Amino acid sequence: MGQKQITLEEIYAAIQNLQREVHVIRENVEETEMTDWAEQELEEARNEPGEKYISLEDLENEIKNDVED
């Protein structure tokens, strides 16, 4: 079976869908009481150094370069 080529437009659409889903999740979390486990996970995530993460722009460039290769 051959691999399907993925376009940047498809990747962009997928990222937009994920952003919408995250927005819905955030709204639900704000309205719901978190469990102790969830509060601990959130606290740990907030304490992670920012250098550990990649910017959206860098991620888009990385994907674009991978697709072009």
PDB file of N, CA and C in Angstrom:
ATOM      1  N   MET A   1       0.832  -1.186   0.000  1.00  0.00           N
ATOM      2  CA  MET A   1       0.000   0.000   0.000  1.00  0.00           C
ATOM      3  C   MET A   1       0.877   1.250   0.000  1.00  0.00           C
ATOM      4  N   GLY A   2       0.518   2.211  -0.812  1.00  0.00           N
ATOM      5  CA  GLY A   2       1.251   3.468  -0.866  1.00  0.00           C
ATOM      6  C   GLY A   2       0.820   4.404   0.243  1.00  0.00           C
ATOM      7  N   GLN A   3       1.716   5.301   0.591  1.00  0.00           N
ATOM      8  CA  GLN A   3       1.397   6.281   1.621  1.00  0.00           C
ATOM      9  C   GLN A   3       0.681   7.465   1.010  1.00  0.00           C
ATOM     10  N   LYS A   4      -0.324   7.969   1.711  1.00  0.00           N
ATOM     11  CA  LYS A   4      -1.077   9.124   1.247  1.00  0.00           C
ATOM     12  C   LYS A   4      -0.263  10.380   1.544  1.00  0.00           C
ATOM     13  N   GLN A   5      -0.166  11.263   0.570  1.00  0.00           N
ATOM     14  CA  GLN A   5       0.505  12.537   0.762  1.00  0.00           C
ATOM     15  C   GLN A   5      -0.422  13.458   1.553  1.00  0.00           C
ATOM     16  N   ILE A   6       0.129  14.111   2.546  1.00  0.00           N
ATOM     17  CA  ILE A   6      -0.638  15.048   3.371  1.00  0.00           C
ATOM     18  C   ILE A   6      -0.234  16.452   2.981  1.00  0.00           C
ATOM     19  N   THR A   7      -1.209  17.290   2.727  1.00  0.00           N
ATOM     20  CA  THR A   7      -0.922  18.666   2.333  1.00  0.00           C
ATOM     21  C   THR A   7      -0.830  19.567   3.559  1.00  0.00           C
ATOM     22  N   LEU A   8      -0.187  20.700   3.392  1.00  0.00           N
ATOM     23  CA  LEU A   8      -0.115  21.677   4.478  1.00  0.00           C
ATOM     24  C   LEU A   8      -1.508  22.141   4.872  1.00  0.00           C
ATOM     25  N   GLU A   9      -2.403  22.230   3.903  1.00  0.00           N
ATOM     26  CA  GLU A   9      -3.769  22.646   4.195  1.00  0.00           C
ATOM     27  C   GLU A   9      -4.452  21.646   5.121  1.00  0.00           C
ATOM     28  N   GLU A  10      -4.216  20.356   4.897  1.00  0.00           N
ATOM     29  CA  GLU A  10      -4.796  19.325   5.759  1.00  0.00           C
ATOM     30  C   GLU A  10      -4.215  19.398   7.166  1.00  0.00           C
ATOM     31  N   ILE A  11      -2.920  19.640   7.260  1.00  0.00           N
ATOM     32  CA  ILE A  11      -2.277  19.783   8.568  1.00  0.00           C
ATOM     33  C   ILE A  11      -2.819  21.001   9.288  1.00  0.00           C
ATOM     34  N   TYR A  12      -2.942  22.114   8.560  1.00  0.00           N
ATOM     35  CA  TYR A  12      -3.467  23.343   9.147  1.00  0.00           C
ATOM     36  C   TYR A  12      -4.892  23.133   9.646  1.00  0.00           C
ATOM     37  N   ALA A  13      -5.724  22.454   8.851  1.00  0.00           N
ATOM     38  CA  ALA A  13      -7.105  22.180   9.251  1.00  0.00           C
ATOM     39  C   ALA A  13      -7.138  21.310  10.509  1.00  0.00           C
ATOM     40  N   ALA A  14      -6.245  20.341  10.574  1.00  0.00           N
ATOM     41  CA  ALA A  14      -6.183  19.467  11.756  1.00  0.00           C
ATOM     42  C   ALA A  14      -5.780  20.264  12.990  1.00  0.00           C
ATOM     43  N   ILE A  15      -4.825  21.170  12.838  1.00  0.00           N
ATOM     44  CA  ILE A  15      -4.390  22.011  13.963  1.00  0.00           C
ATOM     45  C   ILE A  15      -5.532  22.909  14.415  1.00  0.00           C
ATOM     46  N   GLN A  16      -6.273  23.474  13.462  1.00  0.00           N
ATOM     47  CA  GLN A  16      -7.421  24.308  13.824  1.00  0.00           C
ATOM     48  C   GLN A  16      -8.472  23.508  14.585  1.00  0.00           C
ATOM     49  N   ASN A  17      -8.732  22.272  14.143  1.00  0.00           N
ATOM     50  CA  ASN A  17      -9.683  21.417  14.854  1.00  0.00           C
ATOM     51  C   ASN A  17      -9.219  21.144  16.273  1.00  0.00           C
ATOM     52  N   LEU A  18      -7.931  20.877  16.436  1.00  0.00           N
ATOM     53  CA  LEU A  18      -7.393  20.637  17.772  1.00  0.00           C
ATOM     54  C   LEU A  18      -7.539  21.876  18.654  1.00  0.00           C
ATOM     55  N   GLN A  19      -7.294  23.056  18.077  1.00  0.00           N
ATOM     56  CA  GLN A  19      -7.448  24.292  18.846  1.00  0.00           C
ATOM     57  C   GLN A  19      -8.888  24.460  19.319  1.00  0.00           C
ATOM     58  N   ARG A  20      -9.851  24.153  18.445  1.00  0.00           N
ATOM     59  CA  ARG A  20     -11.266  24.257  18.841  1.00  0.00           C
ATOM     60  C   ARG A  20     -11.586  23.258  19.954  1.00  0.00           C
ATOM     61  N   GLU A  21     -11.077  22.054  19.835  1.00  0.00           N
ATOM     62  CA  GLU A  21     -11.326  21.038  20.856  1.00  0.00           C
ATOM     63  C   GLU A  21     -10.713  21.435  22.196  1.00  0.00           C
ATOM     64  N   VAL A  22      -9.517  21.983  22.171  1.00  0.00           N
ATOM     65  CA  VAL A  22      -8.873  22.433  23.402  1.00  0.00           C
ATOM     66  C   VAL A  22      -9.699  23.547  24.043  1.00  0.00           C
ATOM     67  N   HIS A  23     -10.231  24.449  23.217  1.00  0.00           N
ATOM     68  CA  HIS A  23     -11.067  25.527  23.735  1.00  0.00           C
ATOM     69  C   HIS A  23     -12.287  24.953  24.460  1.00  0.00           C
ATOM     70  N   VAL A  24     -12.951  23.968  23.863  1.00  0.00           N
ATOM     71  CA  VAL A  24     -14.113  23.340  24.481  1.00  0.00           C
ATOM     72  C   VAL A  24     -13.717  22.655  25.788  1.00  0.00           C
ATOM     73  N   ILE A  25     -12.589  21.974  25.778  1.00  0.00           N
ATOM     74  CA  ILE A  25     -12.114  21.293  26.992  1.00  0.00           C
ATOM     75  C   ILE A  25     -11.839  22.307  28.089  1.00  0.00           C
ATOM     76  N   ARG A  26     -11.186  23.414  27.748  1.00  0.00           N
ATOM     77  CA  ARG A  26     -10.909  24.450  28.749  1.00  0.00           C
ATOM     78  C   ARG A  26     -12.190  24.992  29.355  1.00  0.00           C
ATOM     79  N   GLU A  27     -13.192  25.238  28.525  1.00  0.00           N
ATOM     80  CA  GLU A  27     -14.465  25.738  29.041  1.00  0.00           C
ATOM     81  C   GLU A  27     -15.091  24.730  29.996  1.00  0.00           C
ATOM     82  N   ASN A  28     -15.029  23.451  29.650  1.00  0.00           N
ATOM     83  CA  ASN A  28     -15.596  22.415  30.514  1.00  0.00           C
ATOM     84  C   ASN A  28     -14.829  22.295  31.821  1.00  0.00           C
ATOM     85  N   VAL A  29     -13.512  22.422  31.764  1.00  0.00           N
ATOM     86  CA  VAL A  29     -12.695  22.319  32.968  1.00  0.00           C
ATOM     87  C   VAL A  29     -13.006  23.476  33.911  1.00  0.00           C
ATOM     88  N   GLU A  30     -13.196  24.659  33.359  1.00  0.00           N
ATOM     89  CA  GLU A  30     -13.498  25.821  34.184  1.00  0.00           C
ATOM     90  C   GLU A  30     -14.830  25.647  34.910  1.00  0.00           C
ATOM     91  N   GLU A  31     -15.755  24.906  34.325  1.00  0.00           N
ATOM     92  CA  GLU A  31     -17.080  24.721  34.903  1.00  0.00           C
ATOM     93  C   GLU A  31     -17.155  23.488  35.812  1.00  0.00           C
ATOM     94  N   THR A  32     -16.132  22.668  35.816  1.00  0.00           N
ATOM     95  CA  THR A  32     -16.154  21.409  36.541  1.00  0.00           C
ATOM     96  C   THR A  32     -15.101  21.421  37.649  1.00  0.00           C
ATOM     97  N   GLU A  33     -15.431  20.829  38.767  1.00  0.00           N
ATOM     98  CA  GLU A  33     -14.464  20.703  39.851  1.00  0.00           C
ATOM     99  C   GLU A  33     -13.454  19.624  39.483  1.00  0.00           C
ATOM    100  N   MET A  34     -12.180  19.935  39.613  1.00  0.00           N
ATOM    101  CA  MET A  34     -11.136  18.982  39.239  1.00  0.00           C
ATOM    102  C   MET A  34     -10.860  18.007  40.378  1.00  0.00           C
ATOM    103  N   THR A  35     -10.467  16.803  39.989  1.00  0.00           N
ATOM    104  CA  THR A  35     -10.058  15.813  40.971  1.00  0.00           C
ATOM    105  C   THR A  35      -8.678  16.194  41.512  1.00  0.00           C
ATOM    106  N   ASP A  36      -8.293  15.586  42.599  1.00  0.00           N
ATOM    107  CA  ASP A  36      -6.964  15.847  43.165  1.00  0.00           C
ATOM    108  C   ASP A  36      -5.878  15.500  42.151  1.00  0.00           C
ATOM    109  N   TRP A  37      -6.072  14.393  41.436  1.00  0.00           N
ATOM    110  CA  TRP A  37      -5.088  13.983  40.432  1.00  0.00           C
ATOM    111  C   TRP A  37      -4.953  15.052  39.351  1.00  0.00           C
ATOM    112  N   ALA A  38      -6.092  15.566  38.854  1.00  0.00           N
ATOM    113  CA  ALA A  38      -6.068  16.573  37.797  1.00  0.00           C
ATOM    114  C   ALA A  38      -5.398  17.852  38.285  1.00  0.00           C
ATOM    115  N   GLU A  39      -5.683  18.249  39.513  1.00  0.00           N
ATOM    116  CA  GLU A  39      -5.051  19.448  40.077  1.00  0.00           C
ATOM    117  C   GLU A  39      -3.537  19.269  40.175  1.00  0.00           C
ATOM    118  N   GLN A  40      -3.096  18.088  40.580  1.00  0.00           N
ATOM    119  CA  GLN A  40      -1.658  17.806  40.675  1.00  0.00           C
ATOM    120  C   GLN A  40      -1.011  17.834  39.289  1.00  0.00           C
ATOM    121  N   GLU A  41      -1.645  17.218  38.310  1.00  0.00           N
ATOM    122  CA  GLU A  41      -1.113  17.215  36.939  1.00  0.00           C
ATOM    123  C   GLU A  41      -1.020  18.636  36.383  1.00  0.00           C
ATOM    124  N   LEU A  42      -2.044  19.442  36.638  1.00  0.00           N
ATOM    125  CA  LEU A  42      -2.052  20.822  36.172  1.00  0.00           C
ATOM    126  C   LEU A  42      -0.930  21.612  36.829  1.00  0.00           C
ATOM    127  N   GLU A  43      -0.746  21.436  38.111  1.00  0.00           N
ATOM    128  CA  GLU A  43       0.322  22.135  38.831  1.00  0.00           C
ATOM    129  C   GLU A  43       1.688  21.749  38.275  1.00  0.00           C
ATOM    130  N   GLU A  44       1.893  20.456  38.014  1.00  0.00           N
ATOM    131  CA  GLU A  44       3.168  20.002  37.448  1.00  0.00           C
ATOM    132  C   GLU A  44       3.392  20.595  36.060  1.00  0.00           C
ATOM    133  N   ALA A  45       2.354  20.631  35.249  1.00  0.00           N
ATOM    134  CA  ALA A  45       2.475  21.191  33.897  1.00  0.00           C
ATOM    135  C   ALA A  45       2.816  22.680  33.953  1.00  0.00           C
ATOM    136  N   ARG A  46       2.211  23.386  34.884  1.00  0.00           N
ATOM    137  CA  ARG A  46       2.480  24.823  35.005  1.00  0.00           C
ATOM    138  C   ARG A  46       3.895  25.095  35.504  1.00  0.00           C
ATOM    139  N   ASN A  47       4.492  24.143  36.184  1.00  0.00           N
ATOM    140  CA  ASN A  47       5.848  24.315  36.698  1.00  0.00           C
ATOM    141  C   ASN A  47       6.920  23.904  35.700  1.00  0.00           C
ATOM    142  N   GLU A  48       6.521  23.349  34.562  1.00  0.00           N
ATOM    143  CA  GLU A  48       7.479  22.953  33.522  1.00  0.00           C
ATOM    144  C   GLU A  48       8.128  24.204  32.938  1.00  0.00           C
ATOM    145  N   PRO A  49       9.416  24.169  32.692  1.00  0.00           N
ATOM    146  CA  PRO A  49      10.074  25.332  32.083  1.00  0.00           C
ATOM    147  C   PRO A  49       9.594  25.554  30.653  1.00  0.00           C
ATOM    148  N   GLY A  50       9.399  26.806  30.287  1.00  0.00           N
ATOM    149  CA  GLY A  50       8.909  27.156  28.960  1.00  0.00           C
ATOM    150  C   GLY A  50       9.840  26.740  27.844  1.00  0.00           C
ATOM    151  N   GLU A  51      11.127  26.608  28.147  1.00  0.00           N
ATOM    152  CA  GLU A  51      12.106  26.228  27.118  1.00  0.00           C
ATOM    153  C   GLU A  51      11.853  24.811  26.617  1.00  0.00           C
ATOM    154  N   LYS A  52      11.107  24.038  27.363  1.00  0.00           N
ATOM    155  CA  LYS A  52      10.841  22.654  27.007  1.00  0.00           C
ATOM    156  C   LYS A  52       9.845  22.554  25.847  1.00  0.00           C
ATOM    157  N   TYR A  53       9.126  23.638  25.587  1.00  0.00           N
ATOM    158  CA  TYR A  53       8.074  23.633  24.578  1.00  0.00           C
ATOM    159  C   TYR A  53       8.536  24.298  23.297  1.00  0.00           C
ATOM    160  N   ILE A  54       7.829  23.991  22.208  1.00  0.00           N
ATOM    161  CA  ILE A  54       8.146  24.544  20.898  1.00  0.00           C
ATOM    162  C   ILE A  54       7.008  25.497  20.513  1.00  0.00           C
ATOM    163  N   SER A  55       7.351  26.595  19.855  1.00  0.00           N
ATOM    164  CA  SER A  55       6.325  27.549  19.449  1.00  0.00           C
ATOM    165  C   SER A  55       5.518  26.984  18.287  1.00  0.00           C
ATOM    166  N   LEU A  56       4.314  27.507  18.109  1.00  0.00           N
ATOM    167  CA  LEU A  56       3.474  27.061  17.004  1.00  0.00           C
ATOM    168  C   LEU A  56       4.157  27.346  15.672  1.00  0.00           C
ATOM    169  N   GLU A  57       4.802  28.491  15.570  1.00  0.00           N
ATOM    170  CA  GLU A  57       5.498  28.850  14.326  1.00  0.00           C
ATOM    171  C   GLU A  57       6.613  27.855  14.020  1.00  0.00           C
ATOM    172  N   ASP A  58       7.407  27.498  15.039  1.00  0.00           N
ATOM    173  CA  ASP A  58       8.481  26.525  14.831  1.00  0.00           C
ATOM    174  C   ASP A  58       7.909  25.157  14.447  1.00  0.00           C
ATOM    175  N   LEU A  59       6.798  24.776  15.068  1.00  0.00           N
ATOM    176  CA  LEU A  59       6.165  23.502  14.744  1.00  0.00           C
ATOM    177  C   LEU A  59       5.684  23.491  13.294  1.00  0.00           C
ATOM    178  N   GLU A  60       5.046  24.585  12.869  1.00  0.00           N
ATOM    179  CA  GLU A  60       4.570  24.669  11.490  1.00  0.00           C
ATOM    180  C   GLU A  60       5.740  24.590  10.509  1.00  0.00           C
ATOM    181  N   ASN A  61       6.848  25.267  10.818  1.00  0.00           N
ATOM    182  CA  ASN A  61       8.030  25.217   9.947  1.00  0.00           C
ATOM    183  C   ASN A  61       8.615  23.816   9.897  1.00  0.00           C
ATOM    184  N   GLU A  62       8.644  23.149  11.041  1.00  0.00           N
ATOM    185  CA  GLU A  62       9.176  21.786  11.103  1.00  0.00           C
ATOM    186  C   GLU A  62       8.324  20.841  10.259  1.00  0.00           C
ATOM    187  N   ILE A  63       7.005  20.961  10.356  1.00  0.00           N
ATOM    188  CA  ILE A  63       6.106  20.124   9.567  1.00  0.00           C
ATOM    189  C   ILE A  63       6.284  20.418   8.085  1.00  0.00           C
ATOM    190  N   LYS A  64       6.363  21.716   7.748  1.00  0.00           N
ATOM    191  CA  LYS A  64       6.528  22.108   6.353  1.00  0.00           C
ATOM    192  C   LYS A  64       7.814  21.512   5.781  1.00  0.00           C
ATOM    193  N   ASN A  65       8.900  21.583   6.557  1.00  0.00           N
ATOM    194  CA  ASN A  65      10.180  21.036   6.084  1.00  0.00           C
ATOM    195  C   ASN A  65      10.108  19.526   5.921  1.00  0.00           C
ATOM    196  N   ASP A  66       9.414  18.832   6.842  1.00  0.00           N
ATOM    197  CA  ASP A  66       9.276  17.379   6.733  1.00  0.00           C
ATOM    198  C   ASP A  66       8.463  16.999   5.503  1.00  0.00           C
ATOM    199  N   VAL A  67       7.426  17.771   5.212  1.00  0.00           N
ATOM    200  CA  VAL A  67       6.573  17.465   4.060  1.00  0.00           C
ATOM    201  C   VAL A  67       7.345  17.685   2.762  1.00  0.00           C
ATOM    202  N   GLU A  68       8.169  18.713   2.724  1.00  0.00           N
ATOM    203  CA  GLU A  68       8.917  19.035   1.511  1.00  0.00           C
ATOM    204  C   GLU A  68      10.047  18.049   1.239  1.00  0.00           C
ATOM    205  N   ASP A  69      10.532  17.359   2.273  1.00  0.00           N
ATOM    206  CA  ASP A  69      11.661  16.421   2.102  1.00  0.00           C
ATOM    207  C   ASP A  69      11.258  15.159   1.429  1.00  0.00           C
TER     208      ASP A  69
END
